[in-house]
Amino acid sequence: MISASRPVYLFGPFALHATKRLLLRGKQVVPLTSKAFETLLALVENARSILAKDDLLRRVWPDAVVEESNLTQSIFMLRKALGDKVAEHRYIVTVPKRGYSFVADVREVREGDEPTPPKAPPLLGRRFPVNAEAHELCLKGRHFWAKRTALAVEKAIRCFEQAIDKEPASAKAYAGLADCYAVLSHHSRLSPRITMPKAKAAGLRALQIDDTLVEAHTSLALVLMLYDWDWPAAEGQFKEALRPGHSYPTAHHWFGMYLVARGRFDEGIAQVERALQLDPLSLAINTDLGLVLYLARRYDEAVRQYQATMELEPDFEGARAGLLMAYHEMGLFHQPVSEFLRTPEALSREAAARLEEAFARAGVTGYWRAYLELSEVPGSGMSPSPYMRARLYAAVGEKARALSWLDTAHAERDGGLSLLKVDPGLDSLRREPHFRSILESVGLG
């Protein structure tokens, strides 16, 4: 008799039976060795957490001393069985110097509840028919979206569009498309006036299909916050996404950013920390935890968090830029300049050399002035948003130009303006009447 206390774990098109010790793809048994099965079970039971290699070795080989290569071989076999290519990491991610994490969405049911495991867990809050190909494309889309680079987000957009072609009623695909367009202008030169209306349209379409989908409420909330500056409506959508019974990391992440932008620092930081507990490998959440600590003027903690993010991905641009800002506020500028310039992907060699020379000659102010000059040069590798230009002009003491760029940011509906109330980089402008008028116009006065 099968014990009803042992669960079945559903992820992607797979079902993992803890009692029967089977991995199924639909009705087809996927062959695994006993050690590979135990490794997978441990990873799935701790999905979204990092399992240290030593902990896995002790669990899978409790009565034997084995080499780490045995675990490496089991991980290799699992990736092959799951069709998880190294470049994609849809299921198992290697965390350098730490261990492994199972990153796909996992749903747990009890054996006997569903005699025939579905080909894929439901994509939507309601039980709509699921197209397996569309589901796979959504997983790929989320993988690329999480990288937060212009190229990766564009790949994600193509994945979600293909998913919609396969399954026109996929609310998950529309929500994913909304999230892509919502972050695209931040990582590219596209104006928010181009990307954000597309994000809002996709989010609304997702809610038309399934008004219970937390991802769709979260997507719409971000647009209402960053583009419409409709703070009460955004909070309402966040609360829909965070209703009891749901633990969507991005909802906690973006609601935390919302709260911090409103000056509710302790509440906001707690929300971002909760998001990180749910998704400890997210580069975006790790980076934004550093950002909210920075905005709360907790600079030492912000530096430690940015450094922790860079341990996961040394070249992640958001973490490097955040570290630069935090060190600047602490008056420790030389170290981050070195870290910023050593990444060849970020700047041309000529641009890096010019910035180093400017810093050596005129310190912080010279560095920022050179940065602003280079941002006007095609091919320099720098294209700061209007909001970032305003911050930089404030840093070099040019208040008039800083306020002018804030006007440009307002005209473009730059998402950075959501931080206007709390950003330390704009403190020198806070007594200016024009600054206060901009603050009121975005609903933060």
Protein backbone atom coordinates (compact mmCIF):
# COMPACT_ATOMS: atom_id res chain seq x y z
CA MET A 1 0.00 0.00 0.00
CA ILE A 2 1.35 3.45 -0.93
CA SER A 3 1.76 5.81 2.00
CA ALA A 4 -0.37 8.90 1.55
CA SER A 5 2.19 10.88 3.53
CA ARG A 6 4.83 10.80 0.80
CA PRO A 7 4.53 13.49 -1.84
CA VAL A 8 4.81 13.71 -5.59
CA TYR A 9 6.81 16.69 -6.81
CA LEU A 10 5.74 18.24 -10.11
CA PHE A 11 8.07 20.47 -12.14
CA GLY A 12 8.11 21.22 -15.84
CA PRO A 13 6.82 18.11 -17.62
CA PHE A 14 8.18 15.85 -14.84
CA ALA A 15 6.75 14.10 -11.77
CA LEU A 16 9.09 12.80 -9.07
CA HIS A 17 7.51 10.07 -6.90
CA ALA A 18 9.22 9.94 -3.51
CA THR A 19 7.64 6.61 -2.50
CA LYS A 20 7.77 4.80 -5.85
CA ARG A 21 11.24 6.24 -6.45
CA LEU A 22 10.35 7.08 -10.02
CA LEU A 23 10.91 10.07 -12.27
CA LEU A 24 8.19 10.33 -14.92
CA ARG A 25 7.85 12.51 -17.97
CA GLY A 26 4.15 12.26 -18.60
CA LYS A 27 3.63 8.48 -18.41
CA GLN A 28 7.16 7.62 -19.50
CA VAL A 29 9.66 6.47 -16.86
CA VAL A 30 12.97 8.35 -16.99
CA PRO A 31 15.77 5.94 -15.95
CA LEU A 32 17.96 7.09 -13.04
CA THR A 33 20.50 5.35 -10.83
CA SER A 34 19.61 5.16 -7.13
CA LYS A 35 22.20 7.81 -6.24
CA ALA A 36 21.06 10.16 -8.99
CA PHE A 37 17.47 9.75 -7.73
CA GLU A 38 18.51 10.52 -4.14
CA THR A 39 20.41 13.58 -5.35
CA LEU A 40 17.41 14.84 -7.32
CA LEU A 41 15.05 14.22 -4.41
CA ALA A 42 17.28 16.22 -2.07
CA LEU A 43 17.48 19.10 -4.53
CA VAL A 44 13.73 19.15 -5.23
CA GLU A 45 12.82 18.98 -1.53
CA ASN A 46 14.97 22.05 -1.03
CA ALA A 47 14.00 23.84 -4.25
CA ARG A 48 15.20 27.45 -4.56
CA SER A 49 17.69 26.90 -1.71
CA ILE A 50 21.41 26.25 -2.04
CA LEU A 51 22.49 22.78 -0.95
CA ALA A 52 26.16 22.57 -0.06
CA LYS A 53 28.15 19.81 -1.72
CA ASP A 54 29.12 18.34 1.64
CA ASP A 55 25.47 18.17 2.73
CA LEU A 56 24.52 16.40 -0.49
CA LEU A 57 27.38 13.93 -0.12
CA ARG A 58 26.33 13.12 3.47
CA ARG A 59 22.70 12.61 2.45
CA VAL A 60 23.26 10.57 -0.70
CA TRP A 61 26.22 8.53 0.60
CA PRO A 62 25.52 8.44 4.37
CA ASP A 63 27.63 5.38 5.13
CA ALA A 64 30.56 5.91 2.82
CA VAL A 65 33.37 8.35 2.19
CA VAL A 66 33.30 9.23 -1.49
CA GLU A 67 34.97 11.74 -3.75
CA GLU A 68 33.20 14.89 -4.91
CA SER A 69 33.45 13.50 -8.45
CA ASN A 70 30.68 11.03 -7.55
CA LEU A 71 28.33 13.92 -6.87
CA THR A 72 29.48 15.70 -10.02
CA GLN A 73 28.67 12.59 -12.03
CA SER A 74 25.18 12.35 -10.50
CA ILE A 75 24.51 16.01 -11.33
CA PHE A 76 25.68 15.40 -14.90
CA MET A 77 23.33 12.40 -15.23
CA LEU A 78 20.41 14.40 -13.82
CA ARG A 79 20.94 17.28 -16.21
CA LYS A 80 21.04 14.83 -19.09
CA ALA A 81 17.86 13.08 -17.92
CA LEU A 82 16.05 16.39 -17.49
CA GLY A 83 17.32 17.81 -20.76
CA ASP A 84 18.88 20.64 -18.76
CA LYS A 85 21.66 22.13 -20.87
CA VAL A 86 24.50 23.80 -18.98
CA ALA A 87 23.93 27.09 -20.79
CA GLU A 88 20.23 27.13 -19.85
CA HIS A 89 20.05 25.99 -16.19
CA ARG A 90 16.30 25.49 -16.25
CA TYR A 91 16.43 22.97 -13.40
CA ILE A 92 19.83 22.65 -11.68
CA VAL A 93 22.22 25.54 -11.14
CA THR A 94 25.79 25.22 -9.92
CA VAL A 95 26.63 27.85 -7.33
CA PRO A 96 30.42 28.33 -7.46
CA LYS A 97 32.25 27.35 -4.25
CA ARG A 98 28.91 26.60 -2.52
CA GLY A 99 26.88 23.78 -4.05
CA TYR A 100 23.79 23.29 -6.18
CA SER A 101 20.24 24.63 -6.34
CA PHE A 102 17.07 23.37 -8.01
CA VAL A 103 15.56 26.49 -9.57
CA ALA A 104 12.42 25.31 -11.42
CA ASP A 105 8.97 25.90 -9.92
CA VAL A 106 7.97 22.85 -7.86
CA ARG A 107 4.42 21.87 -6.93
CA GLU A 108 3.80 19.22 -4.30
CA VAL A 109 0.80 16.87 -4.28
CA ARG A 110 0.05 13.70 -2.36
CA GLU A 111 0.20 10.35 -4.11
CA GLY A 112 -3.31 9.22 -4.93
CA ASP A 113 -4.59 12.76 -5.37
CA GLU A 114 -3.77 12.67 -9.09
CA PRO A 115 -3.53 9.08 -10.43
CA THR A 116 -1.97 10.23 -13.69
CA PRO A 117 0.66 12.96 -13.32
CA PRO A 118 0.07 15.80 -15.77
CA LYS A 119 2.58 16.50 -18.48
CA ALA A 120 3.23 19.83 -16.82
CA PRO A 121 1.92 21.64 -13.72
CA PRO A 122 -0.83 24.13 -14.46
CA LEU A 123 0.60 27.38 -15.77
CA LEU A 124 -2.31 29.46 -14.59
CA GLY A 125 -4.08 30.08 -11.32
CA ARG A 126 -7.13 28.31 -12.77
CA ARG A 127 -7.04 24.92 -14.40
CA PHE A 128 -6.79 25.85 -18.06
CA PRO A 129 -5.41 23.37 -20.60
CA VAL A 130 -1.62 23.49 -20.75
CA ASN A 131 0.50 23.26 -23.84
CA ALA A 132 3.80 21.55 -22.93
CA GLU A 133 5.80 23.43 -25.58
CA ALA A 134 4.43 26.76 -24.38
CA HIS A 135 5.35 25.85 -20.82
CA GLU A 136 8.93 25.01 -21.83
CA LEU A 137 9.18 28.33 -23.67
CA CYS A 138 7.95 30.18 -20.58
CA LEU A 139 10.64 28.48 -18.49
CA LYS A 140 13.28 29.53 -21.00
CA GLY A 141 11.86 33.04 -21.08
CA ARG A 142 12.10 33.36 -17.31
CA HIS A 143 15.67 32.03 -17.41
CA PHE A 144 16.75 34.72 -19.88
CA TRP A 145 14.73 37.44 -18.13
CA ALA A 146 16.54 36.72 -14.87
CA LYS A 147 19.89 37.61 -16.46
CA ARG A 148 18.82 41.27 -16.75
CA THR A 149 20.86 42.24 -19.79
CA ALA A 150 19.41 43.80 -22.93
CA LEU A 151 20.35 40.81 -25.08
CA ALA A 152 18.97 38.26 -22.60
CA VAL A 153 15.70 40.16 -22.11
CA GLU A 154 15.22 40.34 -25.88
CA LYS A 155 15.71 36.55 -26.03
CA ALA A 156 13.13 36.21 -23.28
CA ILE A 157 10.65 38.31 -25.25
CA ARG A 158 11.02 35.96 -28.22
CA CYS A 159 10.44 32.96 -25.95
CA PHE A 160 7.24 34.41 -24.49
CA GLU A 161 5.98 35.45 -27.93
CA GLN A 162 6.57 31.92 -29.20
CA ALA A 163 4.75 30.56 -26.15
CA ILE A 164 1.75 32.75 -26.97
CA ASP A 165 1.81 31.44 -30.55
CA LYS A 166 1.66 27.89 -29.15
CA GLU A 167 -0.95 28.73 -26.50
CA PRO A 168 -2.80 32.03 -27.10
CA ALA A 169 -4.54 31.79 -23.70
CA SER A 170 -1.32 31.52 -21.68
CA ALA A 171 -1.59 34.12 -18.94
CA LYS A 172 1.88 33.09 -17.73
CA ALA A 173 3.36 33.96 -21.11
CA TYR A 174 1.67 37.36 -21.18
CA ALA A 175 2.85 38.08 -17.63
CA GLY A 176 6.39 37.12 -18.63
CA LEU A 177 6.17 39.39 -21.66
CA ALA A 178 4.98 42.23 -19.41
CA ASP A 179 7.94 41.76 -17.08
CA CYS A 180 10.37 41.79 -20.00
CA TYR A 181 9.09 45.08 -21.37
CA ALA A 182 8.93 46.53 -17.84
CA VAL A 183 12.69 46.09 -17.32
CA LEU A 184 13.89 46.49 -20.91
CA SER A 185 14.35 50.27 -20.93
CA HIS A 186 16.51 50.01 -17.81
CA HIS A 187 18.90 47.68 -19.62
CA SER A 188 18.80 49.26 -23.08
CA ARG A 189 18.51 52.64 -24.78
CA LEU A 190 14.81 52.21 -25.48
CA SER A 191 12.56 54.86 -23.98
CA PRO A 192 10.06 53.80 -21.32
CA ARG A 193 7.44 55.48 -23.51
CA ILE A 194 8.06 52.66 -25.99
CA THR A 195 8.44 49.71 -23.61
CA MET A 196 6.07 50.46 -20.72
CA PRO A 197 2.81 50.68 -22.70
CA LYS A 198 3.65 47.24 -24.10
CA ALA A 199 4.29 45.99 -20.58
CA LYS A 200 0.96 47.33 -19.37
CA ALA A 201 -0.95 45.87 -22.32
CA ALA A 202 0.58 42.44 -21.76
CA GLY A 203 -0.11 42.57 -18.02
CA LEU A 204 -3.75 43.52 -18.58
CA ARG A 205 -4.12 40.74 -21.15
CA ALA A 206 -2.75 38.25 -18.62
CA LEU A 207 -5.36 39.37 -16.08
CA GLN A 208 -8.12 39.14 -18.68
CA ILE A 209 -7.20 35.49 -19.15
CA ASP A 210 -6.70 34.72 -15.46
CA ASP A 211 -7.48 37.36 -12.85
CA THR A 212 -6.11 35.11 -10.08
CA LEU A 213 -2.57 34.94 -11.47
CA VAL A 214 -0.16 36.53 -8.97
CA GLU A 215 2.49 37.06 -11.67
CA ALA A 216 0.06 39.21 -13.66
CA HIS A 217 -0.90 41.35 -10.66
CA THR A 218 2.80 41.81 -9.91
CA SER A 219 3.58 42.81 -13.50
CA LEU A 220 0.80 45.40 -13.57
CA ALA A 221 1.81 46.75 -10.15
CA LEU A 222 5.34 47.49 -11.39
CA VAL A 223 4.05 49.44 -14.40
CA LEU A 224 1.64 51.42 -12.23
CA MET A 225 4.54 52.28 -9.92
CA LEU A 226 7.36 53.02 -12.37
CA TYR A 227 5.46 54.51 -15.31
CA ASP A 228 1.99 55.64 -14.28
CA TRP A 229 3.15 56.84 -10.83
CA ASP A 230 -0.22 55.64 -9.56
CA TRP A 231 0.99 54.59 -6.12
CA PRO A 232 -2.36 53.58 -4.53
CA ALA A 233 -3.27 51.41 -7.54
CA ALA A 234 0.18 49.83 -7.52
CA GLU A 235 -0.15 48.95 -3.83
CA GLY A 236 -3.55 47.40 -4.50
CA GLN A 237 -2.09 45.15 -7.21
CA PHE A 238 0.82 44.16 -4.97
CA LYS A 239 -1.59 43.17 -2.21
CA GLU A 240 -3.51 41.01 -4.68
CA ALA A 241 -0.24 39.30 -5.60
CA LEU A 242 0.71 38.80 -1.94
CA ARG A 243 -2.59 37.42 -0.72
CA PRO A 244 -2.35 34.43 1.67
CA GLY A 245 -1.32 31.13 0.14
CA HIS A 246 1.07 32.61 -2.43
CA SER A 247 4.84 33.06 -2.17
CA TYR A 248 5.95 34.62 -5.44
CA PRO A 249 9.49 36.01 -4.97
CA THR A 250 9.13 38.83 -7.50
CA ALA A 251 5.99 40.11 -5.76
CA HIS A 252 7.90 40.44 -2.48
CA HIS A 253 10.88 41.93 -4.34
CA TRP A 254 9.00 44.66 -6.17
CA PHE A 255 6.66 45.42 -3.27
CA GLY A 256 9.77 45.92 -1.15
CA MET A 257 11.05 48.43 -3.70
CA TYR A 258 7.66 50.16 -3.62
CA LEU A 259 7.74 50.48 0.18
CA VAL A 260 11.30 51.83 0.23
CA ALA A 261 10.44 54.35 -2.50
CA ARG A 262 7.67 55.59 -0.20
CA GLY A 263 10.14 55.92 2.69
CA ARG A 264 8.95 52.79 4.53
CA PHE A 265 12.46 51.37 4.84
CA ASP A 266 12.09 48.63 7.46
CA GLU A 267 8.99 47.17 5.81
CA GLY A 268 10.56 47.36 2.36
CA ILE A 269 13.84 45.75 3.35
CA ALA A 270 11.92 42.93 5.07
CA GLN A 271 10.00 42.28 1.84
CA VAL A 272 13.16 42.12 -0.28
CA GLU A 273 14.80 39.85 2.29
CA ARG A 274 11.75 37.57 2.07
CA ALA A 275 12.10 37.53 -1.72
CA LEU A 276 15.74 36.50 -1.34
CA GLN A 277 14.78 33.67 1.01
CA LEU A 278 12.41 32.37 -1.67
CA ASP A 279 14.89 32.82 -4.53
CA PRO A 280 18.45 33.05 -3.13
CA LEU A 281 20.13 32.82 -6.54
CA SER A 282 18.30 35.72 -8.18
CA LEU A 283 20.86 38.30 -9.25
CA ALA A 284 18.18 40.99 -9.46
CA ILE A 285 16.90 40.35 -5.93
CA ASN A 286 20.41 40.10 -4.49
CA THR A 287 21.33 43.40 -6.15
CA ASP A 288 18.19 45.22 -5.12
CA LEU A 289 18.65 44.15 -1.50
CA GLY A 290 21.91 46.08 -1.75
CA LEU A 291 20.02 48.98 -3.31
CA VAL A 292 17.35 49.24 -0.62
CA LEU A 293 20.04 49.13 2.07
CA TYR A 294 21.85 51.92 0.20
CA LEU A 295 18.66 53.97 -0.03
CA ALA A 296 18.17 53.49 3.72
CA ARG A 297 21.68 54.92 4.22
CA ARG A 298 22.92 51.60 5.61
CA TYR A 299 26.01 51.77 3.45
CA ASP A 300 28.19 49.15 5.19
CA GLU A 301 25.43 46.56 4.83
CA ALA A 302 24.83 47.61 1.23
CA VAL A 303 28.51 47.06 0.40
CA ARG A 304 28.45 43.58 1.93
CA GLN A 305 25.31 42.68 -0.02
CA TYR A 306 26.70 43.94 -3.32
CA GLN A 307 29.88 41.96 -2.71
CA ALA A 308 27.81 38.84 -1.99
CA THR A 309 26.01 39.36 -5.30
CA MET A 310 29.32 39.65 -7.13
CA GLU A 311 30.37 36.32 -5.64
CA LEU A 312 27.46 34.81 -7.56
CA GLU A 313 28.24 36.74 -10.76
CA PRO A 314 31.38 38.93 -10.72
CA ASP A 315 30.41 40.85 -13.86
CA PHE A 316 26.79 41.64 -12.95
CA GLU A 317 26.50 45.31 -13.88
CA GLY A 318 23.87 46.28 -11.33
CA ALA A 319 25.95 45.02 -8.41
CA ARG A 320 29.13 46.74 -9.63
CA ALA A 321 27.33 50.05 -10.14
CA GLY A 322 25.68 49.74 -6.72
CA LEU A 323 29.01 49.09 -5.06
CA LEU A 324 30.35 52.21 -6.74
CA MET A 325 27.48 54.31 -5.34
CA ALA A 326 27.78 52.93 -1.82
CA TYR A 327 31.54 53.46 -1.63
CA HIS A 328 31.05 56.98 -2.97
CA GLU A 329 28.67 57.86 -0.14
CA MET A 330 31.18 56.39 2.33
CA GLY A 331 34.00 58.47 0.88
CA LEU A 332 35.88 55.34 -0.21
CA PHE A 333 36.00 55.94 -3.92
CA HIS A 334 39.33 54.57 -5.12
CA GLN A 335 38.59 50.88 -4.54
CA PRO A 336 35.31 50.73 -6.50
CA VAL A 337 36.79 52.68 -9.39
CA SER A 338 39.38 49.93 -9.77
CA GLU A 339 36.69 47.24 -9.58
CA PHE A 340 34.50 49.08 -12.06
CA LEU A 341 37.23 49.61 -14.64
CA ARG A 342 38.70 46.14 -14.54
CA THR A 343 35.69 44.67 -16.37
CA PRO A 344 36.48 44.89 -20.11
CA GLU A 345 32.90 44.12 -21.14
CA ALA A 346 31.64 47.31 -19.51
CA LEU A 347 33.86 49.92 -21.18
CA SER A 348 36.10 50.35 -24.17
CA ARG A 349 39.81 50.40 -23.33
CA GLU A 350 40.02 54.03 -24.34
CA ALA A 351 37.11 54.96 -22.08
CA ALA A 352 38.56 53.06 -19.12
CA ALA A 353 41.97 54.70 -19.57
CA ARG A 354 40.40 58.16 -19.76
CA LEU A 355 38.41 57.58 -16.57
CA GLU A 356 41.46 56.34 -14.69
CA GLU A 357 43.43 59.37 -15.83
CA ALA A 358 40.62 61.73 -14.81
CA PHE A 359 40.40 60.19 -11.36
CA ALA A 360 44.16 60.38 -10.86
CA ARG A 361 44.15 64.05 -11.90
CA ALA A 362 40.99 65.39 -10.26
CA GLY A 363 39.59 62.71 -7.96
CA VAL A 364 35.88 61.92 -7.69
CA THR A 365 34.67 65.06 -9.41
CA GLY A 366 37.08 64.58 -12.31
CA TYR A 367 35.98 60.97 -12.68
CA TRP A 368 32.28 61.85 -12.90
CA ARG A 369 32.90 64.74 -15.28
CA ALA A 370 34.88 62.44 -17.59
CA TYR A 371 32.11 59.86 -17.34
CA LEU A 372 29.49 62.42 -18.38
CA GLU A 373 31.64 63.59 -21.30
CA LEU A 374 32.24 60.02 -22.46
CA SER A 375 28.55 59.19 -22.29
CA GLU A 376 28.11 61.54 -25.24
CA VAL A 377 30.70 59.65 -27.31
CA PRO A 378 29.34 56.82 -29.53
CA GLY A 379 30.93 53.46 -28.79
CA SER A 380 32.18 54.40 -25.33
CA GLY A 381 30.05 51.69 -23.72
CA MET A 382 28.17 54.20 -21.56
CA SER A 383 24.60 55.39 -22.06
CA PRO A 384 23.21 56.47 -18.67
CA SER A 385 19.51 57.18 -18.42
CA PRO A 386 18.28 60.75 -17.90
CA TYR A 387 17.79 59.98 -14.23
CA MET A 388 21.37 58.71 -13.88
CA ARG A 389 22.70 61.78 -15.68
CA ALA A 390 20.83 63.94 -13.17
CA ARG A 391 22.49 62.04 -10.31
CA LEU A 392 25.94 62.50 -11.87
CA TYR A 393 25.49 66.24 -12.43
CA ALA A 394 24.35 66.53 -8.83
CA ALA A 395 27.52 64.66 -7.78
CA VAL A 396 29.75 67.25 -9.51
CA GLY A 397 27.80 70.19 -8.10
CA GLU A 398 26.00 71.30 -11.28
CA LYS A 399 22.52 71.68 -9.84
CA ALA A 400 21.00 73.45 -12.83
CA ARG A 401 22.03 70.71 -15.23
CA ALA A 402 20.95 68.04 -12.74
CA LEU A 403 17.48 69.59 -12.52
CA SER A 404 17.33 69.89 -16.30
CA TRP A 405 18.03 66.18 -16.66
CA LEU A 406 15.36 65.43 -14.06
CA ASP A 407 12.95 67.34 -16.33
CA THR A 408 14.07 65.10 -19.20
CA ALA A 409 13.61 62.03 -17.03
CA HIS A 410 10.10 63.23 -16.20
CA ALA A 411 9.26 63.75 -19.87
CA GLU A 412 10.54 60.25 -20.65
CA ARG A 413 8.75 58.83 -17.57
CA ASP A 414 12.07 57.34 -16.48
CA GLY A 415 11.50 54.61 -13.88
CA GLY A 416 14.38 55.94 -11.81
CA LEU A 417 12.11 58.78 -10.67
CA SER A 418 10.36 56.28 -8.40
CA LEU A 419 13.41 56.65 -6.11
CA LEU A 420 13.33 60.45 -6.13
CA LYS A 421 12.16 60.75 -2.52
CA VAL A 422 14.88 58.56 -0.99
CA ASP A 423 17.95 58.60 -3.28
CA PRO A 424 21.05 59.88 -1.41
CA GLY A 425 22.57 60.92 -4.73
CA LEU A 426 20.02 63.74 -5.01
CA ASP A 427 20.25 65.10 -1.48
CA SER A 428 21.98 68.28 -2.70
CA LEU A 429 18.85 69.18 -4.70
CA ARG A 430 16.19 68.68 -2.06
CA ARG A 431 15.87 72.32 -1.05
CA GLU A 432 15.38 73.46 -4.64
CA PRO A 433 11.74 74.46 -5.36
CA HIS A 434 11.95 72.89 -8.82
CA PHE A 435 13.02 69.57 -7.29
CA ARG A 436 10.05 69.65 -4.93
CA SER A 437 7.69 70.30 -7.83
CA ILE A 438 9.02 67.27 -9.69
CA LEU A 439 8.69 65.19 -6.53
CA GLU A 440 5.02 66.19 -6.23
CA SER A 441 4.37 65.50 -9.91
CA VAL A 442 5.38 61.83 -9.50
CA GLY A 443 3.18 61.44 -6.43
CA LEU A 444 5.98 61.44 -3.86
CA GLY A 445 5.69 64.96 -2.45
